[in-house]
Amino acid sequence: MSQLSHLLSSTLLLSGSAGLLYTVALLTAALVSVLASAPERRKDARTTLSILVRRRPR
């Protein structure tokens, strides 16, 4: 049972870290798309943001 507990806590830590990293990437792309001074950089950031948030058809 100890191994299962350790595996579960490791899985939760890994998934939480991945979620946090994804959130930071989204916020960074959103900030760049709004605050960048060059129009092409804003367009690139918006494209990246649309790729990260894209929903797949069900």
C-alpha atoms as a PDB file:
ATOM      1  CA  MET A   1       0.000   0.000   0.000  1.00  0.00           C
ATOM      2  CA  SER A   2       2.931   2.310   0.626  1.00  0.00           C
ATOM      3  CA  GLN A   3       4.029   2.026  -3.002  1.00  0.00           C
ATOM      4  CA  LEU A   4       0.537   2.914  -4.212  1.00  0.00           C
ATOM      5  CA  SER A   5       0.494   5.945  -1.944  1.00  0.00           C
ATOM      6  CA  HIS A   6       3.900   7.045  -3.220  1.00  0.00           C
ATOM      7  CA  LEU A   7       2.837   6.530  -6.845  1.00  0.00           C
ATOM      8  CA  LEU A   8      -0.346   8.521  -6.303  1.00  0.00           C
ATOM      9  CA  SER A   9       1.456  11.438  -4.674  1.00  0.00           C
ATOM     10  CA  SER A  10       4.084  11.462  -7.443  1.00  0.00           C
ATOM     11  CA  THR A  11       1.358  11.451 -10.095  1.00  0.00           C
ATOM     12  CA  LEU A  12      -0.463  14.321  -8.414  1.00  0.00           C
ATOM     13  CA  LEU A  13       2.748  16.325  -8.144  1.00  0.00           C
ATOM     14  CA  LEU A  14       3.583  15.737 -11.804  1.00  0.00           C
ATOM     15  CA  SER A  15       0.112  16.638 -13.053  1.00  0.00           C
ATOM     16  CA  GLY A  16       0.018  19.734 -10.851  1.00  0.00           C
ATOM     17  CA  SER A  17       3.398  20.839 -12.187  1.00  0.00           C
ATOM     18  CA  ALA A  18       2.273  20.287 -15.780  1.00  0.00           C
ATOM     19  CA  GLY A  19      -0.901  22.305 -15.145  1.00  0.00           C
ATOM     20  CA  LEU A  20       1.086  25.131 -13.607  1.00  0.00           C
ATOM     21  CA  LEU A  21       3.515  25.172 -16.527  1.00  0.00           C
ATOM     22  CA  TYR A  22       0.611  25.261 -19.012  1.00  0.00           C
ATOM     23  CA  THR A  23      -0.995  28.138 -17.121  1.00  0.00           C
ATOM     24  CA  VAL A  24       2.257  30.115 -17.109  1.00  0.00           C
ATOM     25  CA  ALA A  25       2.630  29.540 -20.871  1.00  0.00           C
ATOM     26  CA  LEU A  26      -0.926  30.784 -21.477  1.00  0.00           C
ATOM     27  CA  LEU A  27      -0.436  33.871 -19.330  1.00  0.00           C
ATOM     28  CA  THR A  28       2.884  34.680 -20.986  1.00  0.00           C
ATOM     29  CA  ALA A  29       1.399  34.409 -24.481  1.00  0.00           C
ATOM     30  CA  ALA A  30      -1.593  36.515 -23.447  1.00  0.00           C
ATOM     31  CA  LEU A  31       0.597  39.225 -21.952  1.00  0.00           C
ATOM     32  CA  VAL A  32       2.878  39.362 -24.980  1.00  0.00           C
ATOM     33  CA  SER A  33      -0.105  39.542 -27.326  1.00  0.00           C
ATOM     34  CA  VAL A  34      -1.349  42.612 -25.462  1.00  0.00           C
ATOM     35  CA  LEU A  35       1.839  44.384 -24.385  1.00  0.00           C
ATOM     36  CA  ALA A  36       4.312  43.834 -27.252  1.00  0.00           C
ATOM     37  CA  SER A  37       5.286  46.935 -29.142  1.00  0.00           C
ATOM     38  CA  ALA A  38       5.876  45.275 -32.528  1.00  0.00           C
ATOM     39  CA  PRO A  39       2.713  44.296 -34.433  1.00  0.00           C
ATOM     40  CA  GLU A  40       4.251  41.076 -35.798  1.00  0.00           C
ATOM     41  CA  ARG A  41       5.221  39.971 -32.293  1.00  0.00           C
ATOM     42  CA  ARG A  42       1.649  40.566 -31.081  1.00  0.00           C
ATOM     43  CA  LYS A  43       0.320  38.581 -34.034  1.00  0.00           C
ATOM     44  CA  ASP A  44       2.727  35.695 -33.307  1.00  0.00           C
ATOM     45  CA  ALA A  45       1.699  35.681 -29.652  1.00  0.00           C
ATOM     46  CA  ARG A  46      -1.995  35.632 -30.592  1.00  0.00           C
ATOM     47  CA  THR A  47      -1.376  32.734 -32.958  1.00  0.00           C
ATOM     48  CA  THR A  48       0.453  30.839 -30.218  1.00  0.00           C
ATOM     49  CA  LEU A  49      -2.343  31.564 -27.777  1.00  0.00           C
ATOM     50  CA  SER A  50      -4.964  30.309 -30.219  1.00  0.00           C
ATOM     51  CA  ILE A  51      -2.976  27.080 -30.669  1.00  0.00           C
ATOM     52  CA  LEU A  52      -2.684  26.564 -26.905  1.00  0.00           C
ATOM     53  CA  VAL A  53      -6.390  27.171 -26.281  1.00  0.00           C
ATOM     54  CA  ARG A  54      -7.702  25.376 -29.370  1.00  0.00           C
ATOM     55  CA  ARG A  55     -10.557  23.000 -28.709  1.00  0.00           C
ATOM     56  CA  ARG A  56     -10.805  19.771 -30.593  1.00  0.00           C
ATOM     57  CA  PRO A  57     -14.109  18.697 -32.151  1.00  0.00           C
ATOM     58  CA  ARG A  58     -15.850  15.891 -30.281  1.00  0.00           C
END
